[in-house]
Amino acid sequence: MVAGSGCSAFETPEVRPCSWLDRTADTTTRESTENRSHTVVLVDRSPSTRPRGAVGAGARTPDAAGTLLTARGLAPGEVEGGLLSVAAFDGTRATVDWDVDRVAVTALQGNDTLRGDRRKARRECLEKRLRQVSTGEPGTGRTDVLGALAAAADQLGPGDGDRRIVMVTDGLTNTGCADLRSAGFDGAEEIKATMDRCRAAGELPDLRGAEVSILGIGRSARGKAPSSPQTAWLTTLWTRLCKATKAATCHVSATARAHAAAGGETGTDEPKVTFPAVSERPGGRVTTITLPGSVLFATDHKELSPKARNTLDDAARRIRELDPVSVAVSGHTDSRGSAQRGRQLSLARAQAVRSALAERGIAVDSARGYSDDRPSCAPEYRAGVPDYAAMACNRRVEIAVTVRG
């Protein structure tokens, strides 16, 4: 019965209810495509979006299909009367695979109940296809978000209808001008440098007039998750890159659905994008706990971020476990700015952490600011080019915990 399936735009639901997703629209005339709305869906299938090896019971992983189905512009009623394209992407523009290629989604007929049933069935078809696309094996061992957006621009082509791109990705590009493998994830200057590189390299696609949504930023299935400030930095980066493409609107979000992780997946290796993280270094009677500046503070600020609470809770818990006889806090900055400003900022940050630890019942014997006098990572410049990862490494607060001998 046609009403029961509602999935086919071509009234053949009994045999293949989702066959409408495999039928490319008639593109032989200008009017058939250029005056229609066109929605392009991009799914990141690079190795970082899927777990590697066995996963524990109850483990959860980002759900690309679930995230996309909640995106604005992808409700069944919103794509009716227009074209729909769906592709997975990984490391190059050339490997973007159009699984759904300019399908014409016809407007549904009938009363409200009939249209509601058919839209529900269409949504089920789209969900099934998105899950198939997102679980396909990657064609390369890298991630190229800008390359995927360029392929989407090619797929959209020119036109007078509404043009929309909806993408789900962790945003962890590891190739091209936006390569984040050496990123410090901290500061507007680093974002500006990335923008300048991408403009100079000609890697920014022309998305003029398109509505762009990029979802799931920072939600990787592998490795340590970014802190809240790092996620905010990553979201700002992709917002700036999106706006630089001249898109009509840019909606960039870390929001993502999750579902139970499948065990036993191996996937493919790719160059890792790592986030500055809390570390611990034992040395004789002194254990040094290092807190990255980007985890605790906004750029060039001395006030602790409200989102630093969990990191400081963990630090206090670890200090108590060590049963210290003394605790010392030191602040450190990178080499940018004046020496006086560096000393003031590093001391103020050390004092802020000292106060936060006191609130958690940890007595701190001293708080000092060393500016850039004691770099942890060097050099900060290579042939005159700033190494932002080294700078981010040097912006830190160290807690020296001395224990009984």
Protein backbone atom coordinates (compact mmCIF):
# COMPACT_ATOMS: atom_id res chain seq x y z
CA MET A 1 0.00 0.00 0.00
CA VAL A 2 1.50 3.35 -1.01
CA ALA A 3 0.34 5.19 2.09
CA GLY A 4 1.97 2.65 4.34
CA SER A 5 5.46 3.04 2.98
CA GLY A 6 5.62 6.70 2.06
CA CYS A 7 9.33 6.34 1.34
CA SER A 8 9.34 6.43 -2.43
CA ALA A 9 9.14 9.63 -4.35
CA PHE A 10 8.27 7.55 -7.41
CA GLU A 11 5.32 5.55 -6.05
CA THR A 12 7.09 2.16 -6.04
CA PRO A 13 7.41 1.52 -2.30
CA GLU A 14 6.47 -2.14 -2.16
CA VAL A 15 9.48 -3.41 -4.10
CA ARG A 16 12.24 -0.99 -3.01
CA PRO A 17 10.90 1.54 -0.53
CA CYS A 18 14.13 3.54 -0.43
CA SER A 19 14.96 3.41 -4.13
CA TRP A 20 14.25 7.13 -4.45
CA LEU A 21 17.67 7.80 -2.92
CA ASP A 22 19.34 6.14 -5.91
CA ARG A 23 17.58 8.09 -8.66
CA THR A 24 19.50 11.05 -10.02
CA ALA A 25 17.37 13.99 -11.08
CA ASP A 26 17.02 15.03 -14.70
CA THR A 27 19.81 17.56 -15.14
CA THR A 28 19.50 18.07 -18.88
CA THR A 29 17.86 21.48 -18.64
CA ARG A 30 18.91 24.58 -16.74
CA GLU A 31 15.45 25.00 -15.24
CA SER A 32 15.52 21.45 -13.83
CA THR A 33 18.42 22.23 -11.47
CA GLU A 34 19.29 25.90 -11.15
CA ASN A 35 15.91 27.02 -9.82
CA ARG A 36 15.66 24.22 -7.27
CA SER A 37 16.94 24.22 -3.75
CA HIS A 38 19.87 21.84 -3.23
CA THR A 39 20.99 20.31 0.06
CA VAL A 40 24.43 18.70 0.27
CA VAL A 41 25.20 16.43 3.23
CA LEU A 42 28.83 15.61 4.11
CA VAL A 43 29.83 12.88 6.57
CA ASP A 44 33.35 12.68 7.98
CA ARG A 45 34.45 9.02 7.76
CA SER A 46 38.13 9.58 8.52
CA PRO A 47 39.80 7.26 11.06
CA SER A 48 39.47 9.70 13.97
CA THR A 49 35.67 9.48 13.79
CA ARG A 50 35.55 5.76 14.62
CA PRO A 51 36.91 3.79 17.59
CA ARG A 52 39.96 1.61 17.15
CA GLY A 53 40.16 -1.87 18.66
CA ALA A 54 37.94 -3.28 21.36
CA VAL A 55 35.80 -0.90 23.39
CA GLY A 56 34.48 -1.42 26.88
CA ALA A 57 30.89 -2.11 27.80
CA GLY A 58 28.85 1.06 27.86
CA ALA A 59 31.34 3.01 25.74
CA ARG A 60 29.80 5.63 23.48
CA THR A 61 30.99 7.17 20.25
CA PRO A 62 29.83 10.10 18.07
CA ASP A 63 26.72 9.28 16.03
CA ALA A 64 27.04 11.05 12.66
CA ALA A 65 23.65 9.97 11.36
CA GLY A 66 21.86 10.91 14.56
CA THR A 67 23.55 14.31 14.61
CA LEU A 68 22.64 15.07 10.99
CA LEU A 69 19.01 14.07 11.40
CA THR A 70 18.59 16.75 14.09
CA ALA A 71 20.20 19.46 11.93
CA ARG A 72 18.15 22.33 10.67
CA GLY A 73 17.39 22.00 7.00
CA LEU A 74 17.37 18.20 6.93
CA ALA A 75 13.82 17.50 8.09
CA PRO A 76 11.96 15.57 5.34
CA GLY A 77 9.58 18.45 4.74
CA GLU A 78 12.44 20.93 4.28
CA VAL A 79 14.14 19.07 1.42
CA GLU A 80 10.95 18.37 -0.53
CA GLY A 81 10.83 19.95 -3.95
CA GLY A 82 14.62 20.24 -4.10
CA LEU A 83 17.73 18.20 -4.79
CA LEU A 84 19.61 16.10 -2.23
CA SER A 85 23.23 14.91 -2.34
CA VAL A 86 25.02 12.84 0.31
CA ALA A 87 28.71 11.96 0.46
CA ALA A 88 31.36 10.66 2.83
CA PHE A 89 34.76 12.34 2.92
CA ASP A 90 38.19 11.81 4.42
CA GLY A 91 41.57 13.05 3.30
CA THR A 92 41.27 14.61 -0.15
CA ARG A 93 38.77 16.39 -2.33
CA ALA A 94 39.18 13.61 -4.89
CA THR A 95 37.90 10.86 -2.57
CA VAL A 96 34.56 12.55 -1.77
CA ASP A 97 32.11 9.81 -2.74
CA TRP A 98 28.58 10.90 -3.76
CA ASP A 99 26.44 8.05 -2.53
CA VAL A 100 23.28 10.11 -3.15
CA ASP A 101 23.81 12.21 -6.27
CA ARG A 102 21.41 15.10 -6.94
CA VAL A 103 18.26 13.14 -6.15
CA ALA A 104 15.01 15.03 -6.74
CA VAL A 105 12.86 14.86 -3.61
CA THR A 106 9.30 15.31 -4.82
CA ALA A 107 6.64 17.08 -2.83
CA LEU A 108 4.28 14.65 -1.12
CA GLN A 109 0.58 14.54 -1.91
CA GLY A 110 -2.43 13.60 0.18
CA ASN A 111 -3.94 14.63 3.49
CA ASP A 112 -1.95 15.53 6.60
CA THR A 113 -1.95 11.97 7.96
CA LEU A 114 -0.77 10.50 4.67
CA ARG A 115 1.99 13.07 4.25
CA GLY A 116 3.08 12.52 7.86
CA ASP A 117 3.39 8.75 7.32
CA ARG A 118 5.36 9.22 4.14
CA ARG A 119 7.72 11.76 5.69
CA LYS A 120 8.39 9.41 8.57
CA ALA A 121 9.25 6.63 6.14
CA ARG A 122 11.47 8.95 4.11
CA ARG A 123 13.33 9.89 7.28
CA GLU A 124 13.90 6.19 8.03
CA CYS A 125 15.32 5.72 4.55
CA LEU A 126 17.65 8.69 4.94
CA GLU A 127 18.79 7.53 8.38
CA LYS A 128 19.62 4.08 7.03
CA ARG A 129 21.62 5.56 4.17
CA LEU A 130 23.50 7.99 6.42
CA ARG A 131 24.54 5.13 8.69
CA GLN A 132 25.81 3.16 5.72
CA VAL A 133 27.77 6.15 4.45
CA SER A 134 29.29 7.00 7.84
CA THR A 135 30.54 3.44 8.47
CA GLY A 136 32.22 3.00 5.08
CA GLU A 137 35.96 2.46 5.08
CA PRO A 138 37.97 5.66 4.60
CA GLY A 139 39.81 6.00 1.31
CA THR A 140 42.80 7.75 2.89
CA GLY A 141 44.42 8.03 6.29
CA ARG A 142 43.82 11.76 6.66
CA THR A 143 41.11 14.37 7.17
CA ASP A 144 40.57 17.36 4.86
CA VAL A 145 37.51 19.39 5.83
CA LEU A 146 38.21 22.26 3.42
CA GLY A 147 38.65 19.78 0.59
CA ALA A 148 35.23 18.30 1.36
CA LEU A 149 33.64 21.76 1.37
CA ALA A 150 35.26 22.46 -2.01
CA ALA A 151 33.75 19.24 -3.38
CA ALA A 152 30.37 20.34 -2.01
CA ALA A 153 30.73 23.65 -3.86
CA ASP A 154 31.31 21.71 -7.09
CA GLN A 155 28.26 19.55 -6.38
CA LEU A 156 26.02 22.56 -5.72
CA GLY A 157 27.14 24.45 -8.79
CA PRO A 158 25.49 27.75 -9.71
CA GLY A 159 21.80 28.27 -9.16
CA ASP A 160 19.03 30.55 -8.03
CA GLY A 161 17.48 28.16 -5.52
CA ASP A 162 18.44 27.84 -1.86
CA ARG A 163 21.83 26.15 -1.48
CA ARG A 164 22.65 24.39 1.75
CA ILE A 165 25.62 22.36 3.09
CA VAL A 166 25.24 20.28 6.25
CA MET A 167 28.44 18.63 7.49
CA VAL A 168 29.27 16.47 10.50
CA THR A 169 32.96 16.33 11.42
CA ASP A 170 35.28 16.50 14.41
CA GLY A 171 37.12 19.28 12.58
CA LEU A 172 40.53 17.71 13.17
CA THR A 173 42.07 18.46 9.79
CA ASN A 174 45.57 17.02 9.48
CA THR A 175 46.56 18.06 5.98
CA GLY A 176 46.72 21.23 3.89
CA CYS A 177 46.63 24.82 5.08
CA ALA A 178 44.46 24.06 8.13
CA ASP A 179 46.65 21.20 9.41
CA LEU A 180 46.13 21.14 13.18
CA ARG A 181 48.81 18.64 14.18
CA SER A 182 51.02 21.37 15.62
CA ALA A 183 48.22 23.61 16.86
CA GLY A 184 48.30 25.06 20.34
CA PHE A 185 44.49 25.52 20.39
CA ASP A 186 44.91 28.82 22.15
CA GLY A 187 44.68 32.37 20.95
CA ALA A 188 43.40 34.57 18.14
CA GLU A 189 46.86 34.96 16.60
CA GLU A 190 47.06 31.28 15.77
CA ILE A 191 43.64 31.42 14.10
CA LYS A 192 44.71 34.46 12.08
CA ALA A 193 47.88 32.65 10.97
CA THR A 194 45.79 29.68 9.77
CA MET A 195 43.46 32.01 7.87
CA ASP A 196 46.41 33.74 6.21
CA ARG A 197 47.92 30.38 5.16
CA CYS A 198 44.66 29.19 3.64
CA ARG A 199 44.15 32.40 1.68
CA ALA A 200 47.72 32.30 0.39
CA ALA A 201 47.39 28.64 -0.59
CA GLY A 202 44.08 29.21 -2.40
CA GLU A 203 42.44 26.41 -0.39
CA LEU A 204 39.35 28.34 0.72
CA PRO A 205 36.38 27.16 -1.39
CA ASP A 206 33.87 29.61 -2.83
CA LEU A 207 30.62 28.96 -0.97
CA ARG A 208 29.06 32.26 -1.91
CA GLY A 209 25.34 32.27 -1.11
CA ALA A 210 25.27 28.86 0.61
CA GLU A 211 23.93 28.19 4.09
CA VAL A 212 26.58 26.13 5.89
CA SER A 213 26.20 24.07 9.07
CA ILE A 214 29.21 22.25 10.55
CA LEU A 215 28.33 20.00 13.49
CA GLY A 216 30.23 17.77 15.93
CA ILE A 217 33.37 19.92 16.19
CA GLY A 218 35.89 18.37 18.61
CA ARG A 219 33.86 15.16 19.01
CA SER A 220 36.45 12.57 18.01
CA ALA A 221 36.10 8.84 18.66
CA ARG A 222 39.80 8.43 19.42
CA GLY A 223 42.27 9.98 21.79
CA LYS A 224 41.79 12.44 24.61
CA ALA A 225 38.87 14.84 24.24
CA PRO A 226 39.63 18.57 24.07
CA SER A 227 38.92 20.76 27.07
CA SER A 228 36.09 23.28 26.91
CA PRO A 229 38.44 26.20 26.04
CA GLN A 230 40.11 24.09 23.35
CA THR A 231 36.72 23.16 21.89
CA ALA A 232 35.74 26.83 21.91
CA TRP A 233 38.98 27.68 20.04
CA LEU A 234 38.33 24.95 17.46
CA THR A 235 34.75 26.13 16.97
CA THR A 236 35.96 29.71 16.49
CA LEU A 237 38.52 28.56 13.92
CA TRP A 238 35.92 26.78 11.79
CA THR A 239 33.49 29.66 12.10
CA ARG A 240 36.17 32.03 10.80
CA LEU A 241 37.15 29.65 7.98
CA CYS A 242 33.50 29.20 7.02
CA LYS A 243 32.89 32.96 6.88
CA ALA A 244 36.02 33.37 4.76
CA THR A 245 34.36 31.20 2.06
CA LYS A 246 31.71 33.97 1.71
CA ALA A 247 28.95 31.58 2.78
CA ALA A 248 25.60 33.31 3.34
CA THR A 249 25.36 31.88 6.87
CA CYS A 250 27.70 29.80 9.03
CA HIS A 251 26.48 27.66 11.91
CA VAL A 252 29.35 25.83 13.65
CA SER A 253 28.70 23.74 16.73
CA ALA A 254 30.29 21.11 18.96
CA THR A 255 26.86 19.56 19.45
CA ALA A 256 26.71 15.88 18.51
CA ARG A 257 24.62 12.84 19.25
CA ALA A 258 26.29 9.71 20.63
CA HIS A 259 25.43 6.03 20.55
CA ALA A 260 26.85 2.76 21.82
CA ALA A 261 30.26 2.06 20.32
CA ALA A 262 30.68 -1.06 18.25
CA GLY A 263 33.52 -3.27 19.48
CA GLY A 264 36.35 -4.77 17.50
CA GLU A 265 36.71 -2.07 14.88
CA THR A 266 40.25 -1.54 13.66
CA GLY A 267 39.99 1.24 11.11
CA THR A 268 42.98 2.98 9.56
CA ASP A 269 45.77 4.94 11.19
CA GLU A 270 46.15 8.65 10.45
CA PRO A 271 48.45 11.42 11.67
CA LYS A 272 47.19 12.41 15.12
CA VAL A 273 45.92 15.80 16.17
CA THR A 274 46.60 16.05 19.90
CA PHE A 275 45.38 18.59 22.44
CA PRO A 276 47.58 20.14 25.14
CA ALA A 277 46.70 18.13 28.24
CA VAL A 278 47.36 17.95 31.96
CA SER A 279 50.53 15.96 32.65
CA GLU A 280 52.45 14.66 35.63
CA ARG A 281 56.23 14.32 35.91
CA PRO A 282 57.80 12.60 38.93
CA GLY A 283 61.36 13.49 39.90
CA GLY A 284 62.75 12.25 43.20
CA ARG A 285 60.70 13.73 46.02
CA VAL A 286 59.03 16.29 43.74
CA THR A 287 56.16 15.52 41.40
CA THR A 288 55.30 18.31 38.94
CA ILE A 289 51.73 18.60 37.68
CA THR A 290 51.48 20.76 34.55
CA LEU A 291 48.22 22.51 33.65
CA PRO A 292 48.13 24.01 30.12
CA GLY A 293 47.21 27.67 30.03
CA SER A 294 44.51 27.03 27.41
CA VAL A 295 42.77 24.65 29.81
CA LEU A 296 42.56 27.30 32.55
CA PHE A 297 42.52 30.77 31.00
CA ALA A 298 41.28 32.71 28.01
CA THR A 299 44.06 34.22 25.93
CA ASP A 300 45.93 37.03 27.73
CA HIS A 301 43.59 36.79 30.75
CA LYS A 302 44.47 36.16 34.38
CA GLU A 303 41.00 35.11 35.55
CA LEU A 304 40.28 31.40 35.65
CA SER A 305 37.72 30.22 33.14
CA PRO A 306 34.52 28.86 34.74
CA LYS A 307 35.14 25.72 32.70
CA ALA A 308 38.50 25.14 34.42
CA ARG A 309 36.70 23.78 37.46
CA ASN A 310 36.97 20.08 36.57
CA THR A 311 40.70 20.35 35.82
CA LEU A 312 41.37 22.05 39.16
CA ASP A 313 39.22 19.49 40.98
CA ASP A 314 41.32 16.71 39.45
CA ALA A 315 44.57 18.51 40.33
CA ALA A 316 43.50 18.95 43.95
CA ARG A 317 42.48 15.30 44.18
CA ARG A 318 45.86 14.19 42.84
CA ILE A 319 47.77 16.46 45.25
CA ARG A 320 45.91 14.94 48.20
CA GLU A 321 46.78 11.45 46.95
CA LEU A 322 50.48 12.41 46.96
CA ASP A 323 50.25 13.46 50.65
CA PRO A 324 52.56 16.48 50.23
CA VAL A 325 54.77 18.24 52.75
CA SER A 326 54.78 21.37 50.56
CA VAL A 327 53.17 22.68 47.37
CA ALA A 328 54.51 25.45 45.11
CA VAL A 329 52.77 26.99 42.09
CA SER A 330 54.57 28.71 39.20
CA GLY A 331 53.15 30.54 36.18
CA HIS A 332 54.80 30.62 32.76
CA THR A 333 54.07 32.47 29.49
CA ASP A 334 55.43 32.40 25.95
CA SER A 335 57.89 34.98 24.63
CA ARG A 336 55.39 37.30 22.97
CA GLY A 337 54.75 40.68 24.54
CA SER A 338 56.98 42.65 26.88
CA ALA A 339 58.95 41.03 29.68
CA GLN A 340 57.06 43.14 32.22
CA ARG A 341 53.69 42.00 30.88
CA GLY A 342 54.87 38.38 30.91
CA ARG A 343 55.96 38.60 34.55
CA GLN A 344 52.71 40.23 35.61
CA LEU A 345 50.50 37.74 33.75
CA SER A 346 52.42 34.63 34.83
CA LEU A 347 52.36 35.72 38.48
CA ALA A 348 48.66 36.61 38.37
CA ARG A 349 47.85 33.20 36.88
CA ALA A 350 49.92 31.40 39.52
CA GLN A 351 48.09 33.31 42.23
CA ALA A 352 44.71 32.48 40.68
CA VAL A 353 45.55 28.76 40.76
CA ARG A 354 46.86 29.10 44.32
CA SER A 355 43.53 30.60 45.41
CA ALA A 356 41.56 27.93 43.57
CA LEU A 357 43.55 25.16 45.29
CA ALA A 358 43.04 26.83 48.67
CA GLU A 359 39.30 26.72 48.05
CA ARG A 360 39.72 22.98 47.56
CA GLY A 361 41.58 22.52 50.82
CA ILE A 362 45.13 22.53 49.41
CA ALA A 363 47.62 24.81 51.18
CA VAL A 364 50.13 26.34 48.73
CA ASP A 365 53.42 27.57 50.17
CA SER A 366 54.43 29.86 47.31
CA ALA A 367 53.22 31.27 43.98
CA ARG A 368 55.71 32.73 41.49
CA GLY A 369 55.65 34.07 37.94
CA TYR A 370 58.53 33.26 35.60
CA SER A 371 57.23 34.76 32.34
CA ASP A 372 59.15 32.98 29.51
CA ASP A 373 62.36 32.45 31.52
CA ARG A 374 61.81 28.69 31.86
CA PRO A 375 60.40 27.40 28.55
CA SER A 376 59.16 23.83 28.47
CA CYS A 377 59.18 23.62 24.67
CA ALA A 378 61.69 25.34 22.42
CA PRO A 379 62.28 26.97 20.07
CA GLU A 380 59.16 29.08 19.64
CA TYR A 381 60.33 30.30 16.24
CA ARG A 382 61.82 28.26 13.41
CA ALA A 383 63.45 30.28 10.64
CA GLY A 384 61.39 33.24 11.79
CA VAL A 385 58.10 31.33 11.63
CA PRO A 386 56.19 31.02 14.94
CA ASP A 387 55.63 27.49 16.25
CA TYR A 388 52.27 27.90 17.96
CA ALA A 389 52.36 24.43 19.48
CA ALA A 390 55.61 25.32 21.29
CA MET A 391 54.11 28.61 22.44
CA ALA A 392 51.02 26.85 23.78
CA CYS A 393 53.26 24.33 25.54
CA ASN A 394 55.10 27.16 27.29
CA ARG A 395 51.89 28.86 28.46
CA ARG A 396 51.29 26.76 31.56
CA VAL A 397 50.97 26.62 35.31
CA GLU A 398 53.12 24.08 37.17
CA ILE A 399 52.34 22.67 40.60
CA ALA A 400 55.43 21.26 42.33
CA VAL A 401 54.38 18.75 44.99
CA THR A 402 57.10 17.73 47.45
CA VAL A 403 56.53 14.50 49.35
CA ARG A 404 58.26 12.89 52.31
CA GLY A 405 61.50 11.13 51.55
